[in-house]
Amino acid sequence: KFGSTENEDLTWALNTYMPGRVAE
């Protein structure tokens, strides 16, 4: 969930990096 206040780097990885890897 965007807006999560802890572990922002994990939020970024799960919502941007990982979807790209899945698409590949």
mmCIF file of all heavy atoms, coordinates in Angstrom:
data_MODEL
# 
_entry.id   MODEL 
# 
loop_
_atom_site.group_PDB 
_atom_site.id 
_atom_site.type_symbol 
_atom_site.label_atom_id 
_atom_site.label_alt_id 
_atom_site.label_comp_id 
_atom_site.label_asym_id 
_atom_site.label_entity_id 
_atom_site.label_seq_id 
_atom_site.pdbx_PDB_ins_code 
_atom_site.Cartn_x 
_atom_site.Cartn_y 
_atom_site.Cartn_z 
_atom_site.occupancy 
_atom_site.B_iso_or_equiv 
_atom_site.pdbx_formal_charge 
_atom_site.auth_seq_id 
_atom_site.auth_comp_id 
_atom_site.auth_asym_id 
_atom_site.auth_atom_id 
_atom_site.pdbx_PDB_model_num 
ATOM 1   N N   . LYS A 1 1  ? 0.823  -1.196  0.000   1.00 0.00 ? 1  LYS A N   1 
ATOM 2   C CA  . LYS A 1 1  ? 0.000  0.000   0.000   1.00 0.00 ? 1  LYS A CA  1 
ATOM 3   C C   . LYS A 1 1  ? 0.867  1.260   0.000   1.00 0.00 ? 1  LYS A C   1 
ATOM 4   O O   . LYS A 1 1  ? 1.722  1.441   0.861   1.00 0.00 ? 1  LYS A O   1 
ATOM 5   C CB  . LYS A 1 1  ? -0.905 -0.005  1.224   1.00 0.00 ? 1  LYS A CB  1 
ATOM 6   C CG  . LYS A 1 1  ? -1.883 1.124   1.286   1.00 0.00 ? 1  LYS A CG  1 
ATOM 7   C CD  . LYS A 1 1  ? -2.775 0.990   2.498   1.00 0.00 ? 1  LYS A CD  1 
ATOM 8   C CE  . LYS A 1 1  ? -3.744 2.149   2.560   1.00 0.00 ? 1  LYS A CE  1 
ATOM 9   N NZ  . LYS A 1 1  ? -4.586 2.064   3.747   1.00 0.00 ? 1  LYS A NZ  1 
ATOM 10  N N   . PHE A 1 2  ? 0.637  2.117   -0.999  1.00 0.00 ? 2  PHE A N   1 
ATOM 11  C CA  . PHE A 1 2  ? 1.316  3.407   -1.008  1.00 0.00 ? 2  PHE A CA  1 
ATOM 12  C C   . PHE A 1 2  ? 0.825  4.199   0.200   1.00 0.00 ? 2  PHE A C   1 
ATOM 13  O O   . PHE A 1 2  ? -0.330 4.102   0.580   1.00 0.00 ? 2  PHE A O   1 
ATOM 14  C CB  . PHE A 1 2  ? 1.017  4.184   -2.295  1.00 0.00 ? 2  PHE A CB  1 
ATOM 15  C CG  . PHE A 1 2  ? 1.824  3.723   -3.465  1.00 0.00 ? 2  PHE A CG  1 
ATOM 16  C CD1 . PHE A 1 2  ? 1.226  3.016   -4.490  1.00 0.00 ? 2  PHE A CD1 1 
ATOM 17  C CD2 . PHE A 1 2  ? 3.178  3.986   -3.527  1.00 0.00 ? 2  PHE A CD2 1 
ATOM 18  C CE1 . PHE A 1 2  ? 1.967  2.590   -5.580  1.00 0.00 ? 2  PHE A CE1 1 
ATOM 19  C CE2 . PHE A 1 2  ? 3.933  3.572   -4.618  1.00 0.00 ? 2  PHE A CE2 1 
ATOM 20  C CZ  . PHE A 1 2  ? 3.323  2.864   -5.638  1.00 0.00 ? 2  PHE A CZ  1 
ATOM 21  N N   . GLY A 1 3  ? 1.710  4.933   0.794   1.00 0.00 ? 3  GLY A N   1 
ATOM 22  C CA  . GLY A 1 3  ? 1.368  5.663   2.003   1.00 0.00 ? 3  GLY A CA  1 
ATOM 23  C C   . GLY A 1 3  ? 1.832  4.937   3.248   1.00 0.00 ? 3  GLY A C   1 
ATOM 24  O O   . GLY A 1 3  ? 1.693  5.449   4.350   1.00 0.00 ? 3  GLY A O   1 
ATOM 25  N N   . SER A 1 4  ? 2.373  3.706   3.077   1.00 0.00 ? 4  SER A N   1 
ATOM 26  C CA  . SER A 1 4  ? 2.936  2.990   4.216   1.00 0.00 ? 4  SER A CA  1 
ATOM 27  C C   . SER A 1 4  ? 4.053  3.841   4.796   1.00 0.00 ? 4  SER A C   1 
ATOM 28  O O   . SER A 1 4  ? 4.895  4.362   4.067   1.00 0.00 ? 4  SER A O   1 
ATOM 29  C CB  . SER A 1 4  ? 3.485  1.632   3.785   1.00 0.00 ? 4  SER A CB  1 
ATOM 30  O OG  . SER A 1 4  ? 2.454  0.826   3.259   1.00 0.00 ? 4  SER A OG  1 
ATOM 31  N N   . THR A 1 5  ? 4.066  3.986   6.103   1.00 0.00 ? 5  THR A N   1 
ATOM 32  C CA  . THR A 1 5  ? 5.004  4.927   6.717   1.00 0.00 ? 5  THR A CA  1 
ATOM 33  C C   . THR A 1 5  ? 6.323  4.290   7.138   1.00 0.00 ? 5  THR A C   1 
ATOM 34  O O   . THR A 1 5  ? 7.262  4.984   7.428   1.00 0.00 ? 5  THR A O   1 
ATOM 35  C CB  . THR A 1 5  ? 4.366  5.594   7.951   1.00 0.00 ? 5  THR A CB  1 
ATOM 36  O OG1 . THR A 1 5  ? 3.942  4.571   8.851   1.00 0.00 ? 5  THR A OG1 1 
ATOM 37  C CG2 . THR A 1 5  ? 3.184  6.457   7.544   1.00 0.00 ? 5  THR A CG2 1 
ATOM 38  N N   . GLU A 1 6  ? 6.392  2.994   7.167   1.00 0.00 ? 6  GLU A N   1 
ATOM 39  C CA  . GLU A 1 6  ? 7.646  2.343   7.537   1.00 0.00 ? 6  GLU A CA  1 
ATOM 40  C C   . GLU A 1 6  ? 8.188  1.581   6.340   1.00 0.00 ? 6  GLU A C   1 
ATOM 41  O O   . GLU A 1 6  ? 7.441  1.052   5.534   1.00 0.00 ? 6  GLU A O   1 
ATOM 42  C CB  . GLU A 1 6  ? 7.421  1.386   8.708   1.00 0.00 ? 6  GLU A CB  1 
ATOM 43  C CG  . GLU A 1 6  ? 7.001  2.096   9.979   1.00 0.00 ? 6  GLU A CG  1 
ATOM 44  C CD  . GLU A 1 6  ? 6.808  1.145   11.139  1.00 0.00 ? 6  GLU A CD  1 
ATOM 45  O OE1 . GLU A 1 6  ? 7.284  -0.005  11.074  1.00 0.00 ? 6  GLU A OE1 1 
ATOM 46  O OE2 . GLU A 1 6  ? 6.168  1.547   12.113  1.00 0.00 ? 6  GLU A OE2 1 
ATOM 47  N N   . ASN A 1 7  ? 9.515  1.541   6.245   1.00 0.00 ? 7  ASN A N   1 
ATOM 48  C CA  . ASN A 1 7  ? 10.186 0.748   5.225   1.00 0.00 ? 7  ASN A CA  1 
ATOM 49  C C   . ASN A 1 7  ? 9.822  1.220   3.807   1.00 0.00 ? 7  ASN A C   1 
ATOM 50  O O   . ASN A 1 7  ? 9.399  0.427   2.968   1.00 0.00 ? 7  ASN A O   1 
ATOM 51  C CB  . ASN A 1 7  ? 9.866  -0.733  5.418   1.00 0.00 ? 7  ASN A CB  1 
ATOM 52  C CG  . ASN A 1 7  ? 11.019 -1.626  5.044   1.00 0.00 ? 7  ASN A CG  1 
ATOM 53  O OD1 . ASN A 1 7  ? 11.988 -1.177  4.436   1.00 0.00 ? 7  ASN A OD1 1 
ATOM 54  N ND2 . ASN A 1 7  ? 10.916 -2.882  5.394   1.00 0.00 ? 7  ASN A ND2 1 
ATOM 55  N N   . GLU A 1 8  ? 9.988  2.510   3.566   1.00 0.00 ? 8  GLU A N   1 
ATOM 56  C CA  . GLU A 1 8  ? 9.636  3.091   2.270   1.00 0.00 ? 8  GLU A CA  1 
ATOM 57  C C   . GLU A 1 8  ? 10.398 2.450   1.113   1.00 0.00 ? 8  GLU A C   1 
ATOM 58  O O   . GLU A 1 8  ? 9.871  2.343   0.002   1.00 0.00 ? 8  GLU A O   1 
ATOM 59  C CB  . GLU A 1 8  ? 9.871  4.606   2.275   1.00 0.00 ? 8  GLU A CB  1 
ATOM 60  C CG  . GLU A 1 8  ? 8.852  5.388   3.088   1.00 0.00 ? 8  GLU A CG  1 
ATOM 61  C CD  . GLU A 1 8  ? 9.186  5.474   4.574   1.00 0.00 ? 8  GLU A CD  1 
ATOM 62  O OE1 . GLU A 1 8  ? 10.269 4.979   4.990   1.00 0.00 ? 8  GLU A OE1 1 
ATOM 63  O OE2 . GLU A 1 8  ? 8.367  6.022   5.331   1.00 0.00 ? 8  GLU A OE2 1 
ATOM 64  N N   . ASP A 1 9  ? 11.641 2.003   1.369   1.00 0.00 ? 9  ASP A N   1 
ATOM 65  C CA  . ASP A 1 9  ? 12.400 1.368   0.293   1.00 0.00 ? 9  ASP A CA  1 
ATOM 66  C C   . ASP A 1 9  ? 11.763 0.054   -0.135  1.00 0.00 ? 9  ASP A C   1 
ATOM 67  O O   . ASP A 1 9  ? 11.758 -0.296  -1.312  1.00 0.00 ? 9  ASP A O   1 
ATOM 68  C CB  . ASP A 1 9  ? 13.873 1.175   0.678   1.00 0.00 ? 9  ASP A CB  1 
ATOM 69  C CG  . ASP A 1 9  ? 14.076 0.412   1.976   1.00 0.00 ? 9  ASP A CG  1 
ATOM 70  O OD1 . ASP A 1 9  ? 13.144 0.338   2.800   1.00 0.00 ? 9  ASP A OD1 1 
ATOM 71  O OD2 . ASP A 1 9  ? 15.188 -0.099  2.174   1.00 0.00 ? 9  ASP A OD2 1 
ATOM 72  N N   . LEU A 1 10 ? 11.175 -0.682  0.812   1.00 0.00 ? 10 LEU A N   1 
ATOM 73  C CA  . LEU A 1 10 ? 10.468 -1.913  0.461   1.00 0.00 ? 10 LEU A CA  1 
ATOM 74  C C   . LEU A 1 10 ? 9.211  -1.593  -0.349  1.00 0.00 ? 10 LEU A C   1 
ATOM 75  O O   . LEU A 1 10 ? 8.910  -2.274  -1.331  1.00 0.00 ? 10 LEU A O   1 
ATOM 76  C CB  . LEU A 1 10 ? 10.102 -2.707  1.720   1.00 0.00 ? 10 LEU A CB  1 
ATOM 77  C CG  . LEU A 1 10 ? 9.332  -4.003  1.484   1.00 0.00 ? 10 LEU A CG  1 
ATOM 78  C CD1 . LEU A 1 10 ? 10.157 -4.979  0.629   1.00 0.00 ? 10 LEU A CD1 1 
ATOM 79  C CD2 . LEU A 1 10 ? 8.951  -4.650  2.808   1.00 0.00 ? 10 LEU A CD2 1 
ATOM 80  N N   . THR A 1 11 ? 8.498  -0.539  0.038   1.00 0.00 ? 11 THR A N   1 
ATOM 81  C CA  . THR A 1 11 ? 7.314  -0.117  -0.722  1.00 0.00 ? 11 THR A CA  1 
ATOM 82  C C   . THR A 1 11 ? 7.712  0.208   -2.161  1.00 0.00 ? 11 THR A C   1 
ATOM 83  O O   . THR A 1 11 ? 7.055  -0.228  -3.105  1.00 0.00 ? 11 THR A O   1 
ATOM 84  C CB  . THR A 1 11 ? 6.647  1.108   -0.066  1.00 0.00 ? 11 THR A CB  1 
ATOM 85  O OG1 . THR A 1 11 ? 6.291  0.774   1.283   1.00 0.00 ? 11 THR A OG1 1 
ATOM 86  C CG2 . THR A 1 11 ? 5.399  1.534   -0.823  1.00 0.00 ? 11 THR A CG2 1 
ATOM 87  N N   . TRP A 1 12 ? 8.801  0.962   -2.333  1.00 0.00 ? 12 TRP A N   1 
ATOM 88  C CA  . TRP A 1 12 ? 9.282  1.299   -3.667  1.00 0.00 ? 12 TRP A CA  1 
ATOM 89  C C   . TRP A 1 12 ? 9.612  0.038   -4.456  1.00 0.00 ? 12 TRP A C   1 
ATOM 90  O O   . TRP A 1 12 ? 9.207  -0.127  -5.610  1.00 0.00 ? 12 TRP A O   1 
ATOM 91  C CB  . TRP A 1 12 ? 10.512 2.202   -3.575  1.00 0.00 ? 12 TRP A CB  1 
ATOM 92  C CG  . TRP A 1 12 ? 11.093 2.470   -4.927  1.00 0.00 ? 12 TRP A CG  1 
ATOM 93  C CD1 . TRP A 1 12 ? 10.728 3.462   -5.786  1.00 0.00 ? 12 TRP A CD1 1 
ATOM 94  C CD2 . TRP A 1 12 ? 12.091 1.714   -5.595  1.00 0.00 ? 12 TRP A CD2 1 
ATOM 95  N NE1 . TRP A 1 12 ? 11.454 3.370   -6.956  1.00 0.00 ? 12 TRP A NE1 1 
ATOM 96  C CE2 . TRP A 1 12 ? 12.303 2.290   -6.862  1.00 0.00 ? 12 TRP A CE2 1 
ATOM 97  C CE3 . TRP A 1 12 ? 12.840 0.592   -5.260  1.00 0.00 ? 12 TRP A CE3 1 
ATOM 98  C CZ2 . TRP A 1 12 ? 13.222 1.796   -7.776  1.00 0.00 ? 12 TRP A CZ2 1 
ATOM 99  C CZ3 . TRP A 1 12 ? 13.759 0.099   -6.172  1.00 0.00 ? 12 TRP A CZ3 1 
ATOM 100 C CH2 . TRP A 1 12 ? 13.937 0.705   -7.407  1.00 0.00 ? 12 TRP A CH2 1 
ATOM 101 N N   . ALA A 1 13 ? 10.357 -0.879  -3.837  1.00 0.00 ? 13 ALA A N   1 
ATOM 102 C CA  . ALA A 1 13 ? 10.771 -2.105  -4.529  1.00 0.00 ? 13 ALA A CA  1 
ATOM 103 C C   . ALA A 1 13 ? 9.571  -2.949  -4.939  1.00 0.00 ? 13 ALA A C   1 
ATOM 104 O O   . ALA A 1 13 ? 9.512  -3.459  -6.065  1.00 0.00 ? 13 ALA A O   1 
ATOM 105 C CB  . ALA A 1 13 ? 11.716 -2.919  -3.641  1.00 0.00 ? 13 ALA A CB  1 
ATOM 106 N N   . LEU A 1 14 ? 8.594  -3.081  -4.041  1.00 0.00 ? 14 LEU A N   1 
ATOM 107 C CA  . LEU A 1 14 ? 7.424  -3.913  -4.338  1.00 0.00 ? 14 LEU A CA  1 
ATOM 108 C C   . LEU A 1 14 ? 6.498  -3.292  -5.372  1.00 0.00 ? 14 LEU A C   1 
ATOM 109 O O   . LEU A 1 14 ? 5.816  -4.011  -6.105  1.00 0.00 ? 14 LEU A O   1 
ATOM 110 C CB  . LEU A 1 14 ? 6.643  -4.208  -3.055  1.00 0.00 ? 14 LEU A CB  1 
ATOM 111 C CG  . LEU A 1 14 ? 7.304  -5.174  -2.083  1.00 0.00 ? 14 LEU A CG  1 
ATOM 112 C CD1 . LEU A 1 14 ? 6.550  -5.205  -0.765  1.00 0.00 ? 14 LEU A CD1 1 
ATOM 113 C CD2 . LEU A 1 14 ? 7.400  -6.572  -2.680  1.00 0.00 ? 14 LEU A CD2 1 
ATOM 114 N N   . ASN A 1 15 ? 6.472  -1.974  -5.452  1.00 0.00 ? 15 ASN A N   1 
ATOM 115 C CA  . ASN A 1 15 ? 5.514  -1.309  -6.341  1.00 0.00 ? 15 ASN A CA  1 
ATOM 116 C C   . ASN A 1 15 ? 6.107  -0.800  -7.643  1.00 0.00 ? 15 ASN A C   1 
ATOM 117 O O   . ASN A 1 15 ? 5.368  -0.382  -8.530  1.00 0.00 ? 15 ASN A O   1 
ATOM 118 C CB  . ASN A 1 15 ? 4.836  -0.155  -5.607  1.00 0.00 ? 15 ASN A CB  1 
ATOM 119 C CG  . ASN A 1 15 ? 3.933  -0.652  -4.497  1.00 0.00 ? 15 ASN A CG  1 
ATOM 120 O OD1 . ASN A 1 15 ? 3.527  -1.807  -4.468  1.00 0.00 ? 15 ASN A OD1 1 
ATOM 121 N ND2 . ASN A 1 15 ? 3.629  0.205   -3.560  1.00 0.00 ? 15 ASN A ND2 1 
ATOM 122 N N   . THR A 1 16 ? 7.432  -0.832  -7.774  1.00 0.00 ? 16 THR A N   1 
ATOM 123 C CA  . THR A 1 16 ? 8.049  -0.355  -9.016  1.00 0.00 ? 16 THR A CA  1 
ATOM 124 C C   . THR A 1 16 ? 9.032  -1.363  -9.597  1.00 0.00 ? 16 THR A C   1 
ATOM 125 O O   . THR A 1 16 ? 8.886  -1.776  -10.740 1.00 0.00 ? 16 THR A O   1 
ATOM 126 C CB  . THR A 1 16 ? 8.760  0.990   -8.804  1.00 0.00 ? 16 THR A CB  1 
ATOM 127 O OG1 . THR A 1 16 ? 9.760  0.850   -7.803  1.00 0.00 ? 16 THR A OG1 1 
ATOM 128 C CG2 . THR A 1 16 ? 7.786  2.077   -8.406  1.00 0.00 ? 16 THR A CG2 1 
ATOM 129 N N   . TYR A 1 17 ? 10.005 -1.768  -8.820  1.00 0.00 ? 17 TYR A N   1 
ATOM 130 C CA  . TYR A 1 17 ? 11.027 -2.690  -9.315  1.00 0.00 ? 17 TYR A CA  1 
ATOM 131 C C   . TYR A 1 17 ? 10.440 -4.083  -9.595  1.00 0.00 ? 17 TYR A C   1 
ATOM 132 O O   . TYR A 1 17 ? 10.608 -4.620  -10.692 1.00 0.00 ? 17 TYR A O   1 
ATOM 133 C CB  . TYR A 1 17 ? 12.182 -2.791  -8.306  1.00 0.00 ? 17 TYR A CB  1 
ATOM 134 C CG  . TYR A 1 17 ? 13.200 -3.841  -8.682  1.00 0.00 ? 17 TYR A CG  1 
ATOM 135 C CD1 . TYR A 1 17 ? 14.104 -3.617  -9.720  1.00 0.00 ? 17 TYR A CD1 1 
ATOM 136 C CD2 . TYR A 1 17 ? 13.252 -5.056  -8.010  1.00 0.00 ? 17 TYR A CD2 1 
ATOM 137 C CE1 . TYR A 1 17 ? 15.029 -4.580  -10.086 1.00 0.00 ? 17 TYR A CE1 1 
ATOM 138 C CE2 . TYR A 1 17 ? 14.174 -6.027  -8.372  1.00 0.00 ? 17 TYR A CE2 1 
ATOM 139 C CZ  . TYR A 1 17 ? 15.055 -5.786  -9.399  1.00 0.00 ? 17 TYR A CZ  1 
ATOM 140 O OH  . TYR A 1 17 ? 15.962 -6.747  -9.763  1.00 0.00 ? 17 TYR A OH  1 
ATOM 141 N N   . MET A 1 18 ? 9.765  -4.662  -8.624  1.00 0.00 ? 18 MET A N   1 
ATOM 142 C CA  . MET A 1 18 ? 9.239  -6.016  -8.764  1.00 0.00 ? 18 MET A CA  1 
ATOM 143 C C   . MET A 1 18 ? 8.241  -6.151  -9.924  1.00 0.00 ? 18 MET A C   1 
ATOM 144 O O   . MET A 1 18 ? 8.334  -7.117  -10.687 1.00 0.00 ? 18 MET A O   1 
ATOM 145 C CB  . MET A 1 18 ? 8.633  -6.484  -7.438  1.00 0.00 ? 18 MET A CB  1 
ATOM 146 C CG  . MET A 1 18 ? 8.214  -7.943  -7.430  1.00 0.00 ? 18 MET A CG  1 
ATOM 147 S SD  . MET A 1 18 ? 6.435  -8.172  -7.390  1.00 0.00 ? 18 MET A SD  1 
ATOM 148 C CE  . MET A 1 18 ? 5.935  -7.244  -5.984  1.00 0.00 ? 18 MET A CE  1 
ATOM 149 N N   . PRO A 1 19 ? 7.313  -5.223  -10.127 1.00 0.00 ? 19 PRO A N   1 
ATOM 150 C CA  . PRO A 1 19 ? 6.420  -5.365  -11.281 1.00 0.00 ? 19 PRO A CA  1 
ATOM 151 C C   . PRO A 1 19 ? 7.167  -5.413  -12.617 1.00 0.00 ? 19 PRO A C   1 
ATOM 152 O O   . PRO A 1 19 ? 6.779  -6.134  -13.532 1.00 0.00 ? 19 PRO A O   1 
ATOM 153 C CB  . PRO A 1 19 ? 5.510  -4.139  -11.194 1.00 0.00 ? 19 PRO A CB  1 
ATOM 154 C CG  . PRO A 1 19 ? 5.517  -3.780  -9.746  1.00 0.00 ? 19 PRO A CG  1 
ATOM 155 C CD  . PRO A 1 19 ? 6.898  -4.097  -9.268  1.00 0.00 ? 19 PRO A CD  1 
ATOM 156 N N   . GLY A 1 20 ? 8.257  -4.653  -12.719 1.00 0.00 ? 20 GLY A N   1 
ATOM 157 C CA  . GLY A 1 20 ? 9.058  -4.699  -13.939 1.00 0.00 ? 20 GLY A CA  1 
ATOM 158 C C   . GLY A 1 20 ? 9.697  -6.063  -14.144 1.00 0.00 ? 20 GLY A C   1 
ATOM 159 O O   . GLY A 1 20 ? 9.749  -6.575  -15.264 1.00 0.00 ? 20 GLY A O   1 
ATOM 160 N N   . ARG A 1 21 ? 10.187 -6.646  -13.069 1.00 0.00 ? 21 ARG A N   1 
ATOM 161 C CA  . ARG A 1 21 ? 10.782 -7.988  -13.139 1.00 0.00 ? 21 ARG A CA  1 
ATOM 162 C C   . ARG A 1 21 ? 9.723  -9.021  -13.514 1.00 0.00 ? 21 ARG A C   1 
ATOM 163 O O   . ARG A 1 21 ? 9.967  -9.928  -14.294 1.00 0.00 ? 21 ARG A O   1 
ATOM 164 C CB  . ARG A 1 21 ? 11.452 -8.364  -11.808 1.00 0.00 ? 21 ARG A CB  1 
ATOM 165 C CG  . ARG A 1 21 ? 12.614 -7.467  -11.390 1.00 0.00 ? 21 ARG A CG  1 
ATOM 166 C CD  . ARG A 1 21 ? 13.752 -7.399  -12.412 1.00 0.00 ? 21 ARG A CD  1 
ATOM 167 N NE  . ARG A 1 21 ? 14.194 -8.736  -12.756 1.00 0.00 ? 21 ARG A NE  1 
ATOM 168 C CZ  . ARG A 1 21 ? 14.437 -9.168  -13.997 1.00 0.00 ? 21 ARG A CZ  1 
ATOM 169 N NH1 . ARG A 1 21 ? 14.317 -8.348  -15.020 1.00 0.00 ? 21 ARG A NH1 1 
ATOM 170 N NH2 . ARG A 1 21 ? 14.824 -10.400 -14.218 1.00 0.00 ? 21 ARG A NH2 1 
ATOM 171 N N   . VAL A 1 22 ? 8.522  -8.881  -12.954 1.00 0.00 ? 22 VAL A N   1 
ATOM 172 C CA  . VAL A 1 22 ? 7.423  -9.794  -13.281 1.00 0.00 ? 22 VAL A CA  1 
ATOM 173 C C   . VAL A 1 22 ? 7.049  -9.666  -14.758 1.00 0.00 ? 22 VAL A C   1 
ATOM 174 O O   . VAL A 1 22 ? 6.864  -10.668 -15.454 1.00 0.00 ? 22 VAL A O   1 
ATOM 175 C CB  . VAL A 1 22 ? 6.199  -9.531  -12.370 1.00 0.00 ? 22 VAL A CB  1 
ATOM 176 C CG1 . VAL A 1 22 ? 4.954  -10.235 -12.887 1.00 0.00 ? 22 VAL A CG1 1 
ATOM 177 C CG2 . VAL A 1 22 ? 6.499  -9.959  -10.926 1.00 0.00 ? 22 VAL A CG2 1 
ATOM 178 N N   . ALA A 1 23 ? 6.961  -8.436  -15.247 1.00 0.00 ? 23 ALA A N   1 
ATOM 179 C CA  . ALA A 1 23 ? 6.629  -8.210  -16.663 1.00 0.00 ? 23 ALA A CA  1 
ATOM 180 C C   . ALA A 1 23 ? 7.666  -8.851  -17.572 1.00 0.00 ? 23 ALA A C   1 
ATOM 181 O O   . ALA A 1 23 ? 7.332  -9.422  -18.616 1.00 0.00 ? 23 ALA A O   1 
ATOM 182 C CB  . ALA A 1 23 ? 6.505  -6.718  -16.950 1.00 0.00 ? 23 ALA A CB  1 
ATOM 183 N N   . GLU A 1 24 ? 8.933  -8.755  -17.187 1.00 0.00 ? 24 GLU A N   1 
ATOM 184 C CA  . GLU A 1 24 ? 10.000 -9.388  -17.974 1.00 0.00 ? 24 GLU A CA  1 
ATOM 185 C C   . GLU A 1 24 ? 9.861  -10.907 -17.955 1.00 0.00 ? 24 GLU A C   1 
ATOM 186 O O   . GLU A 1 24 ? 9.951  -11.558 -18.991 1.00 0.00 ? 24 GLU A O   1 
ATOM 187 C CB  . GLU A 1 24 ? 11.366 -8.960  -17.428 1.00 0.00 ? 24 GLU A CB  1 
ATOM 188 C CG  . GLU A 1 24 ? 12.535 -9.574  -18.152 1.00 0.00 ? 24 GLU A CG  1 
ATOM 189 C CD  . GLU A 1 24 ? 12.698 -9.113  -19.591 1.00 0.00 ? 24 GLU A CD  1 
ATOM 190 O OE1 . GLU A 1 24 ? 12.201 -8.029  -19.941 1.00 0.00 ? 24 GLU A OE1 1 
ATOM 191 O OE2 . GLU A 1 24 ? 13.324 -9.854  -20.380 1.00 0.00 ? 24 GLU A OE2 1 
# 
